[in-house]
Amino acid sequence: MLTSQPLTEALAVQDGHILAVGTNEEILNLSGRNTTILDLHGRCVLPGFTDSHIHLLQYGLKLSSIDCETDTKQECLQRVAAVAQHTPAGVWIRGQGWNHNLWEEGIGTKQELDTISTDHPIYLAAKSLHASWANSMALQQAGITHDTPDPAGGKIDRDSHGEPTGILLESATLLVEQIIPQPDEKQMQSALQKSQEQLLYFGITAVHDVDDWKIYPLLEEMKKEGKFPLRVVKCIPADHLSYAIKNGFYTGSGNDQLQIGWAKLFMDGALGPQTAAMLAPYEGSSESKGMLVLSVDELEETVKLATASHISLAIHAIGDRAVRCALDGLTGINVQTDIPHRIEHVQIIDPADIRRMAALNVVASMQPIHAISDMDIADRYWGKRCEHAYAWNSVWSAGIPLIFGSDAPVESPNPFWGMHAAVARCHAKTQRAWFPQQAISLQSALEAYTCTPAGILNKNSGLGTFSKGASADLVILPVDPFELPIELLRNVQPSATMIGGEFVWKDASFFS
């Protein structure tokens, strides 16, 4: 069990590791060579948080792009227009975050973006990252026409005449993304630094990154230069699995600064564009059950290939059919790995599959803040099935290892927003509670952000705990979250963040 250290007076750190946490009287007696004594002035100490599912580069790039997460489509268009006015002709205009399910005006079209500009290619990624919205110039540059076939695992939305509408789903988004000028190394490093700064501010000391492999050598370089103290577990994209095997990368290899994680696969799409693969049709639809982008047979072949080289899998599965197929693929091979496989998101699961997941010791990697963003959409498309959606309590009660993240830039990586969602299952603005029986305790939510994600990869490291000798990765808070009313939990802001006994972020009011 993991608990906070409420109203702690002092902390002793020796050679970057925890020596003791307690009162001034207890800790001051430990003063000695290579030992740092920190007076915390009665603040609360928690282990540093781990975000177990984040896109580091995309999050940093989003911080510099148009925020399309608006209440209306018109507001989104206005933001794009404002940027277009000051952008040279021919330069790409990019944004991210739109969610048409929340817009009374409905989903966008290329014509609406064309009214803003026909001199700029415009490309706006959906909040889910499983759909995009492009203008005519962007479609033309990508060669997308009436005659362009849907790519495998994707769909080009078309009007009644067969003309592309500007909306691209799943792998069809890559038709445009692959022609957009990519950021150079300097720009990517800048984006990664922006990500790190924000994460350290939130008290996050480690991440499991599921972004492109191209950031791995950049992270290596930045860490050698002492520019990136954030601990990173770098997952392997599916298209780099053969490369990883050939070059001897495997799950758990590396070091405590930059470690290799799981191979990331996609089983289905997402709820927002209704591409998550479902056992039964979406509400209001007589036939649509979403999309499987990987078959069980294909998954089994990948399991064989990966596990033979000691690589565990992280399988994106949002719909209940996708979760079942992921478990089928893992069951069919029945290969045990030192580090367990994981299923990402598990946004809706059939009760029978919870038992299967527990029996297979598959980790549930979930993002509690998704439930707050998705509750209205989930009710619309999943109806009564929502009692098994974002089912943290059912998963936790079954003994399935539970780890939490944000999926940033899809959602904010603020762990206090995530913990509030997990504990309250209540929308902060509307105060709407949603299937409260699936809420979990603050203790359980904290473990899903600290000791559990650290332990599944590094069993004996002590990371995510207050164990003597564990690396001093800590977040210092002005209040004890266990003493706060639930509604105030999401407002907590750390006073300082420490990695390896060194402060990597401090509030201006913090004095040690």
Protein backbone atom coordinates (compact mmCIF):
# COMPACT_ATOMS: atom_id res chain seq x y z
CA MET A 1 0.00 0.00 0.00
CA LEU A 2 1.13 3.51 -0.78
CA THR A 3 0.20 6.49 1.37
CA SER A 4 1.12 10.15 1.40
CA GLN A 5 3.39 11.61 4.03
CA PRO A 6 1.08 14.35 5.33
CA LEU A 7 2.50 17.50 6.91
CA THR A 8 6.05 16.22 6.60
CA GLU A 9 8.63 18.51 8.16
CA ALA A 10 11.81 17.23 6.56
CA LEU A 11 13.29 14.92 3.97
CA ALA A 12 16.72 13.29 3.90
CA VAL A 13 18.22 12.44 0.52
CA GLN A 14 21.52 10.63 0.09
CA ASP A 15 23.19 10.24 -3.29
CA GLY A 16 19.89 10.91 -5.03
CA HIS A 17 17.97 8.32 -3.04
CA ILE A 18 15.48 8.51 -0.19
CA LEU A 19 17.10 8.09 3.19
CA ALA A 20 14.15 9.07 5.38
CA VAL A 21 10.99 11.17 5.55
CA GLY A 22 9.71 12.50 8.87
CA THR A 23 9.92 15.20 11.50
CA ASN A 24 12.70 17.76 11.78
CA GLU A 25 13.96 16.07 14.94
CA GLU A 26 14.12 12.66 13.25
CA ILE A 27 15.70 13.89 10.04
CA LEU A 28 18.20 16.43 11.34
CA ASN A 29 19.97 13.65 13.22
CA LEU A 30 20.74 12.00 9.87
CA SER A 31 22.81 14.90 8.63
CA GLY A 32 26.13 13.69 7.29
CA ARG A 33 28.37 13.31 4.32
CA ASN A 34 26.52 13.16 0.95
CA THR A 35 23.22 13.64 2.77
CA THR A 36 20.94 16.55 1.91
CA ILE A 37 18.39 17.65 4.50
CA LEU A 38 15.38 19.54 3.15
CA ASP A 39 13.06 21.52 5.39
CA LEU A 40 9.63 21.11 3.78
CA HIS A 41 7.84 23.48 6.15
CA GLY A 42 5.04 21.04 6.86
CA ARG A 43 4.16 20.30 3.26
CA CYS A 44 2.87 16.95 1.98
CA VAL A 45 5.13 14.63 -0.03
CA LEU A 46 4.01 12.13 -2.65
CA PRO A 47 6.01 9.92 -5.01
CA GLY A 48 6.43 11.56 -8.41
CA PHE A 49 3.65 10.76 -10.85
CA THR A 50 3.96 8.60 -13.95
CA ASP A 51 1.88 9.38 -17.02
CA SER A 52 1.55 5.89 -18.48
CA HIS A 53 0.27 6.93 -21.91
CA ILE A 54 1.43 10.15 -23.52
CA HIS A 55 2.58 11.42 -26.91
CA LEU A 56 5.54 13.58 -25.88
CA LEU A 57 6.28 15.17 -29.24
CA GLN A 58 2.66 15.66 -30.26
CA TYR A 59 1.90 17.24 -26.90
CA GLY A 60 4.76 19.70 -27.30
CA LEU A 61 3.72 20.52 -30.87
CA LYS A 62 0.12 21.06 -29.77
CA LEU A 63 1.29 23.67 -27.28
CA SER A 64 2.43 25.67 -30.34
CA SER A 65 -0.51 24.97 -32.70
CA ILE A 66 -4.13 26.12 -32.97
CA ASP A 67 -6.30 24.88 -30.12
CA CYS A 68 -9.42 23.56 -31.85
CA GLU A 69 -11.09 22.30 -28.68
CA THR A 70 -14.01 24.74 -28.79
CA ASP A 71 -17.69 24.69 -27.79
CA THR A 72 -18.83 25.58 -31.31
CA LYS A 73 -17.58 24.96 -34.83
CA GLN A 74 -17.77 28.69 -35.56
CA GLU A 75 -15.33 29.45 -32.76
CA CYS A 76 -12.91 26.87 -34.17
CA LEU A 77 -13.16 28.43 -37.63
CA GLN A 78 -12.53 31.88 -36.16
CA ARG A 79 -9.32 30.67 -34.51
CA VAL A 80 -8.12 29.19 -37.80
CA ALA A 81 -8.98 32.38 -39.67
CA ALA A 82 -7.06 34.51 -37.17
CA VAL A 83 -3.91 32.46 -37.77
CA ALA A 84 -4.39 32.42 -41.56
CA GLN A 85 -4.36 36.24 -41.65
CA HIS A 86 -0.76 36.29 -40.46
CA THR A 87 0.56 33.17 -42.23
CA PRO A 88 2.41 33.45 -45.57
CA ALA A 89 0.59 31.89 -48.53
CA GLY A 90 1.48 28.26 -49.09
CA VAL A 91 2.47 27.59 -45.49
CA TRP A 92 0.57 24.82 -43.75
CA ILE A 93 -1.91 25.82 -41.04
CA ARG A 94 -2.30 23.15 -38.36
CA GLY A 95 -4.50 22.66 -35.34
CA GLN A 96 -5.81 19.93 -33.09
CA GLY A 97 -8.62 19.17 -30.67
CA TRP A 98 -11.96 19.50 -32.51
CA ASN A 99 -14.82 17.26 -31.44
CA HIS A 100 -17.86 17.52 -33.71
CA ASN A 101 -19.96 15.53 -31.25
CA LEU A 102 -20.09 18.66 -29.08
CA TRP A 103 -20.95 21.03 -31.94
CA GLU A 104 -24.59 21.80 -32.69
CA GLU A 105 -23.48 22.75 -36.22
CA GLY A 106 -22.22 19.20 -36.81
CA ILE A 107 -19.03 18.00 -38.42
CA GLY A 108 -16.94 20.28 -40.65
CA THR A 109 -16.46 20.28 -44.42
CA LYS A 110 -13.63 21.30 -46.73
CA GLN A 111 -15.80 24.13 -48.05
CA GLU A 112 -15.91 25.77 -44.63
CA LEU A 113 -12.13 25.76 -44.44
CA ASP A 114 -11.94 26.95 -48.06
CA THR A 115 -13.88 30.08 -47.08
CA ILE A 116 -10.99 30.88 -44.72
CA SER A 117 -8.25 30.28 -47.27
CA THR A 118 -7.57 28.64 -50.60
CA ASP A 119 -3.95 29.88 -50.43
CA HIS A 120 -2.99 27.74 -47.42
CA PRO A 121 -3.26 23.98 -46.95
CA ILE A 122 -5.22 23.58 -43.70
CA TYR A 123 -5.13 20.41 -41.61
CA LEU A 124 -6.89 20.05 -38.26
CA ALA A 125 -6.55 16.84 -36.24
CA ALA A 126 -9.52 15.72 -34.16
CA LYS A 127 -9.31 15.54 -30.39
CA SER A 128 -9.19 11.74 -30.66
CA LEU A 129 -6.31 11.86 -33.20
CA HIS A 130 -8.31 9.26 -35.14
CA ALA A 131 -9.86 11.74 -37.58
CA SER A 132 -8.85 14.94 -39.37
CA TRP A 133 -10.40 17.85 -41.24
CA ALA A 134 -8.69 19.28 -44.33
CA ASN A 135 -9.40 21.99 -46.88
CA SER A 136 -9.33 21.53 -50.64
CA MET A 137 -5.73 22.66 -51.02
CA ALA A 138 -4.53 20.10 -48.46
CA LEU A 139 -6.51 17.34 -50.19
CA GLN A 140 -5.14 18.36 -53.58
CA GLN A 141 -1.55 18.32 -52.36
CA ALA A 142 -2.16 14.83 -50.93
CA GLY A 143 -3.63 13.67 -54.23
CA ILE A 144 -7.02 12.85 -52.67
CA THR A 145 -9.76 12.98 -55.31
CA HIS A 146 -13.09 11.40 -56.19
CA ASP A 147 -11.20 8.36 -57.48
CA THR A 148 -8.86 7.83 -54.52
CA PRO A 149 -9.66 4.48 -52.86
CA ASP A 150 -10.01 4.16 -49.09
CA PRO A 151 -6.71 2.98 -47.63
CA ALA A 152 -6.57 -0.21 -45.58
CA GLY A 153 -7.80 0.54 -42.08
CA GLY A 154 -9.15 3.97 -43.02
CA LYS A 155 -11.94 5.88 -44.71
CA ILE A 156 -12.23 9.02 -46.83
CA ASP A 157 -15.59 10.55 -46.00
CA ARG A 158 -17.54 11.41 -49.16
CA ASP A 159 -20.69 13.32 -50.08
CA SER A 160 -23.61 11.95 -52.10
CA HIS A 161 -21.65 12.51 -55.31
CA GLY A 162 -18.63 10.60 -54.09
CA GLU A 163 -16.52 13.71 -53.55
CA PRO A 164 -14.26 13.89 -50.47
CA THR A 165 -15.84 16.06 -47.78
CA GLY A 166 -12.55 16.95 -46.10
CA ILE A 167 -13.02 14.49 -43.23
CA LEU A 168 -10.53 11.62 -43.02
CA LEU A 169 -10.83 8.68 -40.64
CA GLU A 170 -8.16 6.42 -39.11
CA SER A 171 -5.34 5.53 -41.55
CA ALA A 172 -6.76 7.91 -44.18
CA THR A 173 -5.40 10.76 -42.07
CA LEU A 174 -1.90 9.57 -43.01
CA LEU A 175 -2.55 10.44 -46.67
CA VAL A 176 -2.24 14.09 -45.69
CA GLU A 177 0.06 13.80 -42.68
CA GLN A 178 2.80 12.14 -44.72
CA ILE A 179 3.10 15.15 -47.05
CA ILE A 180 3.10 17.86 -44.37
CA PRO A 181 6.61 19.26 -43.83
CA GLN A 182 7.89 17.63 -40.67
CA PRO A 183 9.57 19.59 -37.88
CA ASP A 184 13.35 19.46 -38.00
CA GLU A 185 15.48 18.21 -35.09
CA LYS A 186 15.74 21.65 -33.51
CA GLN A 187 11.97 22.13 -33.65
CA MET A 188 11.35 18.65 -32.23
CA GLN A 189 13.78 19.24 -29.37
CA SER A 190 12.02 22.52 -28.62
CA ALA A 191 8.66 20.73 -28.57
CA LEU A 192 10.01 18.03 -26.26
CA GLN A 193 11.35 20.69 -23.91
CA LYS A 194 7.94 22.37 -23.84
CA SER A 195 6.36 19.02 -22.96
CA GLN A 196 8.88 18.41 -20.19
CA GLU A 197 8.42 21.86 -18.66
CA GLN A 198 4.67 21.39 -18.40
CA LEU A 199 4.92 17.84 -17.07
CA LEU A 200 7.39 18.77 -14.34
CA TYR A 201 5.07 21.63 -13.36
CA PHE A 202 2.33 19.02 -12.87
CA GLY A 203 4.55 16.83 -10.66
CA ILE A 204 5.11 14.18 -13.34
CA THR A 205 8.55 12.61 -13.06
CA ALA A 206 8.22 9.71 -15.54
CA VAL A 207 6.27 8.95 -18.70
CA HIS A 208 5.49 6.01 -20.94
CA ASP A 209 5.75 7.59 -24.39
CA VAL A 210 3.80 6.17 -27.35
CA ASP A 211 4.94 8.71 -29.95
CA ASP A 212 7.03 8.18 -33.08
CA TRP A 213 10.37 6.40 -32.76
CA LYS A 214 12.17 9.40 -34.26
CA ILE A 215 12.26 11.08 -30.84
CA TYR A 216 14.30 8.23 -29.30
CA PRO A 217 17.71 9.41 -30.60
CA LEU A 218 16.76 12.99 -29.71
CA LEU A 219 15.99 11.95 -26.14
CA GLU A 220 19.30 10.08 -25.97
CA GLU A 221 21.15 13.20 -27.04
CA MET A 222 19.23 15.53 -24.71
CA LYS A 223 19.81 13.24 -21.76
CA LYS A 224 23.55 13.01 -22.45
CA GLU A 225 23.61 16.81 -22.43
CA GLY A 226 21.72 16.90 -19.12
CA LYS A 227 18.73 18.68 -20.69
CA PHE A 228 16.03 16.10 -20.06
CA PRO A 229 15.73 14.85 -16.46
CA LEU A 230 12.21 13.47 -17.01
CA ARG A 231 12.37 9.66 -16.97
CA VAL A 232 11.10 8.17 -20.23
CA VAL A 233 9.92 4.68 -21.09
CA LYS A 234 9.93 4.72 -24.90
CA CYS A 235 7.43 2.38 -26.51
CA ILE A 236 8.11 0.84 -29.91
CA PRO A 237 5.72 1.79 -32.75
CA ALA A 238 4.39 -1.20 -34.68
CA ASP A 239 6.23 -0.12 -37.84
CA HIS A 240 9.53 -0.24 -35.93
CA LEU A 241 9.12 -3.68 -34.37
CA SER A 242 11.42 -5.41 -36.85
CA TYR A 243 13.97 -2.62 -36.42
CA ALA A 244 13.83 -3.02 -32.63
CA ILE A 245 14.32 -6.79 -32.86
CA LYS A 246 17.21 -6.44 -35.31
CA ASN A 247 18.96 -3.92 -33.07
CA GLY A 248 18.49 -5.81 -29.82
CA PHE A 249 15.90 -3.56 -28.15
CA TYR A 250 13.54 -5.35 -25.79
CA THR A 251 11.04 -4.39 -23.13
CA GLY A 252 12.90 -3.27 -20.02
CA SER A 253 16.26 -2.69 -21.74
CA GLY A 254 18.05 0.62 -21.36
CA ASN A 255 18.51 2.42 -18.06
CA ASP A 256 16.48 4.28 -15.47
CA GLN A 257 16.67 7.46 -17.53
CA LEU A 258 15.61 6.11 -20.92
CA GLN A 259 14.14 2.63 -21.03
CA ILE A 260 12.50 0.60 -23.78
CA GLY A 261 8.84 -0.15 -23.21
CA TRP A 262 6.16 -2.09 -25.05
CA ALA A 263 5.50 -2.49 -28.78
CA LYS A 264 2.40 -0.39 -29.53
CA LEU A 265 -0.29 -1.92 -31.77
CA PHE A 266 -3.73 -0.69 -32.83
CA MET A 267 -6.77 -2.96 -32.67
CA ASP A 268 -9.42 -0.34 -33.49
CA GLY A 269 -10.23 3.35 -33.74
CA ALA A 270 -11.94 5.69 -31.28
CA LEU A 271 -15.33 6.61 -29.85
CA GLY A 272 -15.45 10.17 -31.26
CA PRO A 273 -15.52 9.17 -34.96
CA GLN A 274 -17.38 5.92 -34.09
CA THR A 275 -14.49 3.76 -35.31
CA ALA A 276 -13.99 1.91 -32.01
CA ALA A 277 -14.83 -1.76 -32.71
CA MET A 278 -18.01 -2.81 -30.89
CA LEU A 279 -19.71 -6.17 -30.23
CA ALA A 280 -23.10 -4.58 -31.01
CA PRO A 281 -23.95 -1.62 -33.26
CA TYR A 282 -23.69 1.95 -32.09
CA GLU A 283 -26.94 3.41 -30.78
CA GLY A 284 -29.01 4.97 -33.55
CA SER A 285 -27.31 2.84 -36.18
CA SER A 286 -28.69 -0.35 -37.65
CA GLU A 287 -25.33 -1.77 -38.70
CA SER A 288 -22.24 0.25 -37.75
CA LYS A 289 -19.96 -1.57 -35.28
CA GLY A 290 -16.85 0.53 -35.88
CA MET A 291 -13.59 -0.75 -37.35
CA LEU A 292 -11.08 -3.45 -36.51
CA VAL A 293 -7.75 -2.36 -37.97
CA LEU A 294 -5.93 -5.54 -36.88
CA SER A 295 -7.26 -9.09 -37.07
CA VAL A 296 -6.79 -11.69 -34.35
CA ASP A 297 -4.61 -13.74 -36.71
CA GLU A 298 -2.41 -10.70 -37.41
CA LEU A 299 -2.14 -10.02 -33.69
CA GLU A 300 -1.14 -13.63 -32.98
CA GLU A 301 1.65 -13.41 -35.56
CA THR A 302 2.91 -10.20 -33.97
CA VAL A 303 2.75 -11.76 -30.49
CA LYS A 304 4.93 -14.65 -31.71
CA LEU A 305 7.43 -12.30 -33.32
CA ALA A 306 7.65 -9.88 -30.40
CA THR A 307 7.71 -12.28 -27.47
CA ALA A 308 10.42 -14.37 -29.13
CA SER A 309 12.62 -11.29 -28.68
CA HIS A 310 11.33 -10.49 -25.17
CA ILE A 311 9.18 -7.60 -26.32
CA SER A 312 5.82 -7.20 -24.60
CA LEU A 313 2.84 -5.60 -26.31
CA ALA A 314 0.68 -2.55 -25.62
CA ILE A 315 -2.53 -2.96 -27.64
CA HIS A 316 -4.80 0.00 -28.32
CA ALA A 317 -8.35 -1.29 -27.84
CA ILE A 318 -11.22 1.09 -27.07
CA GLY A 319 -14.36 -0.81 -28.10
CA ASP A 320 -15.53 -3.99 -26.33
CA ARG A 321 -15.03 -6.03 -29.50
CA ALA A 322 -11.48 -4.72 -29.83
CA VAL A 323 -10.73 -5.62 -26.20
CA ARG A 324 -12.10 -9.12 -26.74
CA CYS A 325 -10.06 -9.60 -29.91
CA ALA A 326 -6.93 -8.37 -28.15
CA LEU A 327 -7.46 -10.94 -25.42
CA ASP A 328 -8.19 -13.61 -28.05
CA GLY A 329 -4.87 -12.85 -29.72
CA LEU A 330 -2.96 -13.05 -26.45
CA THR A 331 -4.82 -16.19 -25.34
CA GLY A 332 -4.24 -17.97 -28.63
CA ILE A 333 -0.48 -17.78 -28.27
CA ASN A 334 -0.38 -18.04 -24.47
CA VAL A 335 3.22 -16.89 -24.28
CA GLN A 336 4.26 -15.69 -20.84
CA THR A 337 6.57 -12.68 -20.69
CA ASP A 338 8.64 -11.30 -17.82
CA ILE A 339 6.90 -7.96 -18.23
CA PRO A 340 3.13 -8.25 -18.75
CA HIS A 341 1.32 -7.18 -21.88
CA ARG A 342 -1.07 -4.25 -21.59
CA ILE A 343 -4.23 -3.05 -23.25
CA GLU A 344 -4.46 0.68 -23.82
CA HIS A 345 -7.67 2.60 -23.02
CA VAL A 346 -10.14 -0.28 -22.38
CA GLN A 347 -12.90 2.31 -22.63
CA ILE A 348 -15.66 -0.28 -22.68
CA ILE A 349 -15.38 -3.95 -21.77
CA ASP A 350 -17.77 -6.87 -21.57
CA PRO A 351 -17.91 -8.22 -17.97
CA ALA A 352 -16.86 -11.69 -19.13
CA ASP A 353 -13.66 -10.24 -20.55
CA ILE A 354 -12.73 -8.65 -17.24
CA ARG A 355 -12.27 -12.15 -15.81
CA ARG A 356 -10.23 -13.17 -18.85
CA MET A 357 -8.04 -10.11 -18.57
CA ALA A 358 -7.35 -10.82 -14.91
CA ALA A 359 -6.51 -14.48 -15.62
CA LEU A 360 -4.01 -13.43 -18.31
CA ASN A 361 -2.44 -10.81 -15.99
CA VAL A 362 -2.82 -8.18 -18.69
CA VAL A 363 -2.34 -4.60 -17.50
CA ALA A 364 -5.16 -2.10 -18.01
CA SER A 365 -3.64 1.21 -19.14
CA MET A 366 -6.48 3.71 -18.79
CA GLN A 367 -6.98 7.46 -18.86
CA PRO A 368 -9.59 8.55 -16.31
CA ILE A 369 -10.01 12.05 -17.72
CA HIS A 370 -11.43 10.49 -20.92
CA ALA A 371 -14.61 9.62 -19.02
CA ILE A 372 -15.25 13.27 -18.18
CA SER A 373 -14.76 14.37 -21.79
CA ASP A 374 -16.64 11.42 -23.28
CA MET A 375 -19.61 10.81 -20.98
CA ASP A 376 -22.21 12.59 -23.15
CA ILE A 377 -20.88 11.04 -26.36
CA ALA A 378 -20.69 7.60 -24.76
CA ASP A 379 -24.30 7.86 -23.59
CA ARG A 380 -25.36 8.80 -27.11
CA TYR A 381 -23.57 5.97 -28.88
CA TRP A 382 -23.30 3.22 -26.25
CA GLY A 383 -26.47 3.73 -24.23
CA LYS A 384 -26.98 1.26 -21.37
CA ARG A 385 -23.65 -0.37 -22.15
CA CYS A 386 -22.00 2.61 -20.43
CA GLU A 387 -22.29 0.86 -17.08
CA HIS A 388 -19.27 -1.11 -18.31
CA ALA A 389 -17.46 1.94 -19.76
CA TYR A 390 -14.36 3.43 -18.16
CA ALA A 391 -14.90 0.71 -15.59
CA TRP A 392 -11.99 1.41 -13.24
CA ASN A 393 -13.63 -0.12 -10.19
CA SER A 394 -14.57 -3.33 -12.01
CA VAL A 395 -11.02 -3.61 -13.38
CA TRP A 396 -9.36 -2.81 -10.04
CA SER A 397 -11.67 -5.14 -8.07
CA ALA A 398 -10.83 -8.02 -10.41
CA GLY A 399 -7.15 -7.68 -9.49
CA ILE A 400 -6.08 -6.41 -12.90
CA PRO A 401 -2.99 -4.17 -12.65
CA LEU A 402 -4.29 -0.64 -13.27
CA ILE A 403 -2.14 2.21 -14.52
CA PHE A 404 -3.26 5.74 -15.39
CA GLY A 405 -2.16 8.28 -17.99
CA SER A 406 -3.60 11.12 -20.04
CA ASP A 407 -3.17 10.36 -23.76
CA ALA A 408 -1.93 13.96 -24.06
CA PRO A 409 -2.35 15.88 -26.30
CA VAL A 410 -5.82 14.31 -26.48
CA GLU A 411 -6.36 15.38 -22.86
CA SER A 412 -4.49 17.47 -20.30
CA PRO A 413 -1.71 15.52 -18.55
CA ASN A 414 -2.59 17.16 -15.21
CA PRO A 415 -2.68 14.12 -12.85
CA PHE A 416 -4.91 15.94 -10.37
CA TRP A 417 -7.57 16.26 -13.06
CA GLY A 418 -7.12 12.55 -13.72
CA MET A 419 -7.39 11.60 -10.05
CA HIS A 420 -10.46 13.78 -9.62
CA ALA A 421 -12.07 12.00 -12.58
CA ALA A 422 -11.20 8.59 -11.14
CA VAL A 423 -12.48 9.39 -7.65
CA ALA A 424 -15.49 11.61 -8.40
CA ARG A 425 -16.57 10.57 -11.94
CA CYS A 426 -18.14 14.01 -12.00
CA HIS A 427 -17.87 16.76 -14.60
CA ALA A 428 -16.23 19.76 -12.95
CA LYS A 429 -18.43 22.30 -14.76
CA THR A 430 -21.80 20.57 -14.99
CA GLN A 431 -21.40 18.59 -11.74
CA ARG A 432 -22.91 15.63 -13.53
CA ALA A 433 -22.01 12.32 -11.83
CA TRP A 434 -21.68 9.38 -14.20
CA PHE A 435 -21.97 5.75 -13.08
CA PRO A 436 -20.43 6.48 -9.67
CA GLN A 437 -20.21 2.75 -8.91
CA GLN A 438 -17.17 2.70 -11.19
CA ALA A 439 -15.28 5.30 -9.12
CA ILE A 440 -12.25 4.20 -7.12
CA SER A 441 -10.63 5.50 -3.94
CA LEU A 442 -7.98 8.21 -3.97
CA GLN A 443 -5.55 5.63 -2.62
CA SER A 444 -6.16 3.35 -5.63
CA ALA A 445 -5.98 6.26 -8.07
CA LEU A 446 -2.68 7.42 -6.58
CA GLU A 447 -1.21 3.92 -6.89
CA ALA A 448 -2.26 3.86 -10.56
CA TYR A 449 -0.18 7.01 -11.06
CA THR A 450 2.84 5.96 -8.98
CA CYS A 451 3.88 2.55 -7.70
CA THR A 452 1.94 0.36 -10.15
CA PRO A 453 3.30 1.80 -13.44
CA ALA A 454 6.80 1.82 -11.96
CA GLY A 455 6.48 -1.70 -10.59
CA ILE A 456 5.25 -3.48 -13.71
CA LEU A 457 8.45 -2.54 -15.53
CA ASN A 458 10.97 -2.25 -12.70
CA LYS A 459 9.81 -4.58 -9.95
CA ASN A 460 12.58 -3.93 -7.44
CA SER A 461 13.45 -0.31 -8.18
CA GLY A 462 11.33 1.23 -5.43
CA LEU A 463 10.26 3.95 -7.86
CA GLY A 464 6.84 5.31 -7.07
CA THR A 465 7.23 4.56 -3.35
CA PHE A 466 8.83 5.99 -0.21
CA SER A 467 11.03 2.93 0.22
CA LYS A 468 14.41 3.63 1.76
CA GLY A 469 16.96 3.56 -1.02
CA ALA A 470 14.43 4.34 -3.77
CA SER A 471 15.31 7.12 -6.15
CA ALA A 472 14.10 10.43 -4.72
CA ASP A 473 11.50 11.14 -7.40
CA LEU A 474 9.01 13.19 -5.41
CA VAL A 475 6.33 15.83 -5.70
CA ILE A 476 5.85 18.27 -2.83
CA LEU A 477 2.36 19.68 -2.27
CA PRO A 478 1.09 22.59 -0.20
CA VAL A 479 -1.80 20.43 1.09
CA ASP A 480 -2.53 16.78 1.81
CA PRO A 481 -4.92 15.61 -0.93
CA PHE A 482 -6.31 12.95 1.41
CA GLU A 483 -7.64 15.75 3.63
CA LEU A 484 -9.29 17.74 0.81
CA PRO A 485 -12.95 17.64 -0.26
CA ILE A 486 -13.11 15.70 -3.53
CA GLU A 487 -14.28 18.73 -5.51
CA LEU A 488 -11.04 20.58 -4.65
CA LEU A 489 -8.71 17.76 -5.69
CA ARG A 490 -8.40 18.94 -9.30
CA ASN A 491 -7.22 22.38 -8.10
CA VAL A 492 -4.08 21.11 -6.35
CA GLN A 493 -0.84 22.55 -7.73
CA PRO A 494 2.56 21.17 -6.65
CA SER A 495 5.06 23.37 -4.83
CA ALA A 496 8.07 21.50 -6.22
CA THR A 497 9.11 18.44 -8.23
CA MET A 498 12.24 16.37 -7.62
CA ILE A 499 13.94 13.69 -9.73
CA GLY A 500 16.88 11.73 -8.37
CA GLY A 501 17.16 14.04 -5.37
CA GLU A 502 17.44 17.17 -7.52
CA PHE A 503 14.76 19.82 -7.85
CA VAL A 504 13.65 20.05 -11.48
CA TRP A 505 10.85 22.52 -10.83
CA LYS A 506 9.98 24.80 -7.90
CA ASP A 507 7.22 27.31 -7.34
CA ALA A 508 8.48 30.81 -6.67
CA SER A 509 7.12 30.60 -3.12
CA PHE A 510 8.94 27.35 -2.32
CA PHE A 511 12.04 27.57 -0.13
CA SER A 512 14.06 24.54 0.88
